[in-house]
């Protein structure tokens, strides 16, 4: 079991995304950039999005200090309730904010879908609804079956969950496969 100080297990989470070396990945709610830098190390081009101006300033400072150009990392401020993506801008979205805190989840995920190229893949990482000495309050934690059902309701038809890859959390995989013509 992982220690509390390494609970995020970024390399393991990024490995669950599959090969990202030729992908544009949105790091939704990038926060301190932990997953942003893991994605960059894996070869992805990253759009780090956050709705907290302090996080945006810290990400910009680290980007400048690291000498990373816009060809590899775009940092974008957004407002609560708006994913902040342009139409078909990314190949995949990584969401590490608790599902329950997304406000109007149906509207948010519909907007997010518009920003993702087919097959419109989203990976969501959330805490299991069991007590831990760190992480979000229990009131923000949701059972993964509830999350899967809500994602189905907004059009994701290919959904699944892994709850043994990282401690304390589960990973939801959701996609809307491209339409096939007979």
Protein backbone atom coordinates (compact mmCIF):
# COMPACT_ATOMS: atom_id res chain seq x y z
CA UNK A 1 0.00 0.00 0.00
CA UNK A 2 1.29 3.43 -0.88
CA UNK A 3 2.29 5.92 1.75
CA UNK A 4 0.11 8.98 2.17
CA UNK A 5 2.79 11.23 0.68
CA UNK A 6 2.79 9.32 -2.62
CA UNK A 7 -0.92 8.51 -2.88
CA UNK A 8 -1.31 10.28 -6.23
CA UNK A 9 0.85 7.67 -7.98
CA UNK A 10 1.16 9.79 -11.11
CA UNK A 11 3.15 7.30 -13.17
CA UNK A 12 0.55 4.60 -12.50
CA UNK A 13 -2.33 6.93 -13.38
CA UNK A 14 -0.63 8.09 -16.58
CA UNK A 15 0.10 4.46 -17.53
CA UNK A 16 -3.64 3.78 -17.29
CA UNK A 17 -4.21 6.34 -20.05
CA UNK A 18 -2.31 4.25 -22.55
CA UNK A 19 0.30 5.67 -24.88
CA UNK A 20 0.06 9.48 -24.77
CA UNK A 21 3.24 10.37 -26.66
CA UNK A 22 1.35 11.51 -29.74
CA UNK A 23 -1.70 12.88 -27.92
CA UNK A 24 -2.99 16.22 -26.73
CA UNK A 25 -4.23 15.68 -23.19
CA UNK A 26 -6.32 18.09 -21.13
CA UNK A 27 -5.34 18.10 -17.46
CA UNK A 28 -8.62 19.35 -16.07
CA UNK A 29 -8.30 21.16 -12.73
CA UNK A 30 -4.52 20.96 -13.03
CA UNK A 31 -3.96 22.39 -9.55
CA UNK A 32 -0.26 22.28 -8.69
CA UNK A 33 0.57 20.64 -12.02
CA UNK A 34 1.46 17.23 -10.56
CA UNK A 35 -0.26 15.31 -13.38
CA UNK A 36 0.67 17.94 -15.97
CA UNK A 37 4.36 17.24 -15.45
CA UNK A 38 3.79 13.46 -15.39
CA UNK A 39 1.95 13.74 -18.72
CA UNK A 40 4.72 15.89 -20.21
CA UNK A 41 7.31 13.33 -19.08
CA UNK A 42 5.28 10.64 -20.87
CA UNK A 43 5.51 12.66 -24.09
CA UNK A 44 2.03 14.20 -24.22
CA UNK A 45 1.27 17.72 -25.31
CA UNK A 46 -0.73 19.11 -22.39
CA UNK A 47 -3.40 21.74 -21.95
CA UNK A 48 -3.44 22.41 -18.20
CA UNK A 49 -6.73 24.00 -17.20
CA UNK A 50 -7.72 25.41 -13.83
CA UNK A 51 -10.25 27.83 -12.39
CA UNK A 52 -8.01 29.11 -9.58
CA UNK A 53 -5.87 32.15 -10.55
CA UNK A 54 -3.20 31.21 -7.96
CA UNK A 55 -2.81 27.77 -9.57
CA UNK A 56 -2.57 29.34 -13.03
CA UNK A 57 0.16 31.76 -11.85
CA UNK A 58 2.14 28.92 -10.23
CA UNK A 59 1.84 26.76 -13.35
CA UNK A 60 2.98 29.65 -15.57
CA UNK A 61 5.98 30.29 -13.30
CA UNK A 62 7.01 26.64 -13.34
CA UNK A 63 6.56 26.46 -17.11
CA UNK A 64 8.81 29.49 -17.57
CA UNK A 65 11.38 28.18 -15.10
CA UNK A 66 11.41 24.80 -16.89
CA UNK A 67 11.78 26.41 -20.32
CA UNK A 68 8.77 24.57 -21.74
CA UNK A 69 7.20 26.12 -24.82
CA UNK A 70 3.61 26.40 -25.97
CA UNK A 71 4.25 23.56 -28.37
CA UNK A 72 4.28 21.21 -25.34
CA UNK A 73 2.25 23.00 -22.68
CA UNK A 74 -0.62 25.44 -22.80
CA UNK A 75 -1.92 26.77 -19.49
CA UNK A 76 -5.45 28.06 -19.55
CA UNK A 77 -7.62 29.76 -16.96
CA UNK A 78 -11.31 29.00 -16.97
CA UNK A 79 -14.30 29.79 -14.81
CA UNK A 80 -16.20 27.36 -12.59
CA UNK A 81 -18.67 25.33 -14.63
CA UNK A 82 -16.74 25.77 -17.90
CA UNK A 83 -14.25 23.07 -18.96
CA UNK A 84 -12.38 25.66 -21.04
CA UNK A 85 -11.73 23.58 -24.16
CA UNK A 86 -12.17 24.61 -27.77
CA UNK A 87 -14.11 22.24 -30.06
CA UNK A 88 -12.21 19.01 -30.80
CA UNK A 89 -9.07 20.42 -29.17
CA UNK A 90 -7.81 17.37 -27.28
CA UNK A 91 -7.54 13.61 -27.70
CA UNK A 92 -8.22 12.81 -24.05
CA UNK A 93 -9.25 14.55 -20.83
CA UNK A 94 -7.92 13.65 -17.38
CA UNK A 95 -10.21 14.81 -14.57
CA UNK A 96 -8.81 14.50 -11.05
CA UNK A 97 -11.31 16.71 -9.22
CA UNK A 98 -14.01 14.88 -7.27
CA UNK A 99 -17.00 14.21 -9.53
CA UNK A 100 -19.43 15.52 -6.91
CA UNK A 101 -17.79 18.99 -6.97
CA UNK A 102 -18.31 19.67 -10.67
CA UNK A 103 -21.55 21.62 -10.17
CA UNK A 104 -23.99 20.95 -12.99
CA UNK A 105 -22.28 17.72 -14.04
CA UNK A 106 -24.55 17.09 -17.01
CA UNK A 107 -23.84 20.51 -18.54
CA UNK A 108 -20.13 20.33 -17.67
CA UNK A 109 -19.64 16.92 -19.30
CA UNK A 110 -21.62 17.93 -22.40
CA UNK A 111 -19.28 20.94 -22.79
CA UNK A 112 -16.25 18.72 -22.13
CA UNK A 113 -17.36 16.24 -24.80
CA UNK A 114 -17.37 19.02 -27.39
CA UNK A 115 -13.69 19.68 -26.70
CA UNK A 116 -12.57 16.07 -27.18
CA UNK A 117 -11.95 14.43 -30.55
CA UNK A 118 -13.62 11.07 -31.20
CA UNK A 119 -13.64 8.64 -29.51
CA UNK A 120 -14.10 11.33 -26.83
CA UNK A 121 -12.11 9.63 -24.05
CA UNK A 122 -12.29 10.83 -20.45
CA UNK A 123 -10.43 9.39 -17.47
CA UNK A 124 -11.69 10.39 -14.04
CA UNK A 125 -9.74 9.71 -10.84
CA UNK A 126 -11.67 10.01 -7.56
CA UNK A 127 -11.41 8.88 -3.97
CA UNK A 128 -13.24 5.76 -2.89
CA UNK A 129 -16.12 6.49 -0.51
CA UNK A 130 -14.22 5.23 2.52
CA UNK A 131 -12.47 7.16 5.26
CA UNK A 132 -8.83 8.15 4.86
CA UNK A 133 -6.69 10.53 6.89
CA UNK A 134 -6.28 12.80 3.84
CA UNK A 135 -8.19 13.72 0.73
CA UNK A 136 -11.59 15.32 0.29
CA UNK A 137 -14.30 15.16 2.92
CA UNK A 138 -16.58 12.12 2.84
CA UNK A 139 -19.44 14.34 1.68
CA UNK A 140 -17.61 14.84 -1.66
CA UNK A 141 -16.84 11.17 -2.30
CA UNK A 142 -19.14 9.21 -4.56
CA UNK A 143 -19.57 5.54 -5.26
CA UNK A 144 -18.19 4.69 -8.69
CA UNK A 145 -21.47 3.07 -9.77
CA UNK A 146 -23.19 6.44 -9.36
CA UNK A 147 -20.47 8.08 -11.45
CA UNK A 148 -20.75 5.40 -14.16
CA UNK A 149 -24.53 5.83 -14.31
CA UNK A 150 -24.25 9.61 -14.64
CA UNK A 151 -21.64 9.30 -17.39
CA UNK A 152 -23.92 6.88 -19.26
CA UNK A 153 -26.75 9.42 -18.92
CA UNK A 154 -24.67 12.13 -20.66
CA UNK A 155 -23.81 9.92 -23.62
CA UNK A 156 -20.73 7.94 -22.65
CA UNK A 157 -21.51 4.42 -23.87
CA UNK A 158 -18.20 2.73 -23.17
CA UNK A 159 -17.52 3.06 -19.42
CA UNK A 160 -15.57 1.04 -16.90
CA UNK A 161 -13.81 1.31 -13.58
CA UNK A 162 -10.61 0.14 -11.97
CA UNK A 163 -10.41 0.36 -8.20
CA UNK A 164 -7.25 -1.63 -7.53
CA UNK A 165 -4.62 0.24 -9.57
CA UNK A 166 -4.09 3.12 -7.14
CA UNK A 167 -4.70 3.11 -3.38
CA UNK A 168 -7.59 5.07 -1.88
CA UNK A 169 -9.06 5.95 -5.28
CA UNK A 170 -10.75 4.54 -8.34
CA UNK A 171 -10.23 5.31 -12.01
CA UNK A 172 -13.21 5.63 -14.34
CA UNK A 173 -12.68 5.22 -18.06
CA UNK A 174 -15.39 6.65 -20.32
CA UNK A 175 -15.66 7.09 -24.07
CA UNK A 176 -18.11 7.81 -26.81
CA UNK A 177 -16.97 5.64 -29.72
CA UNK A 178 -17.15 7.24 -33.15
CA UNK A 179 -20.24 6.39 -35.14
CA UNK A 180 -19.76 3.55 -37.56
CA UNK A 181 -21.39 3.41 -40.96
CA UNK A 182 -22.66 0.11 -42.32
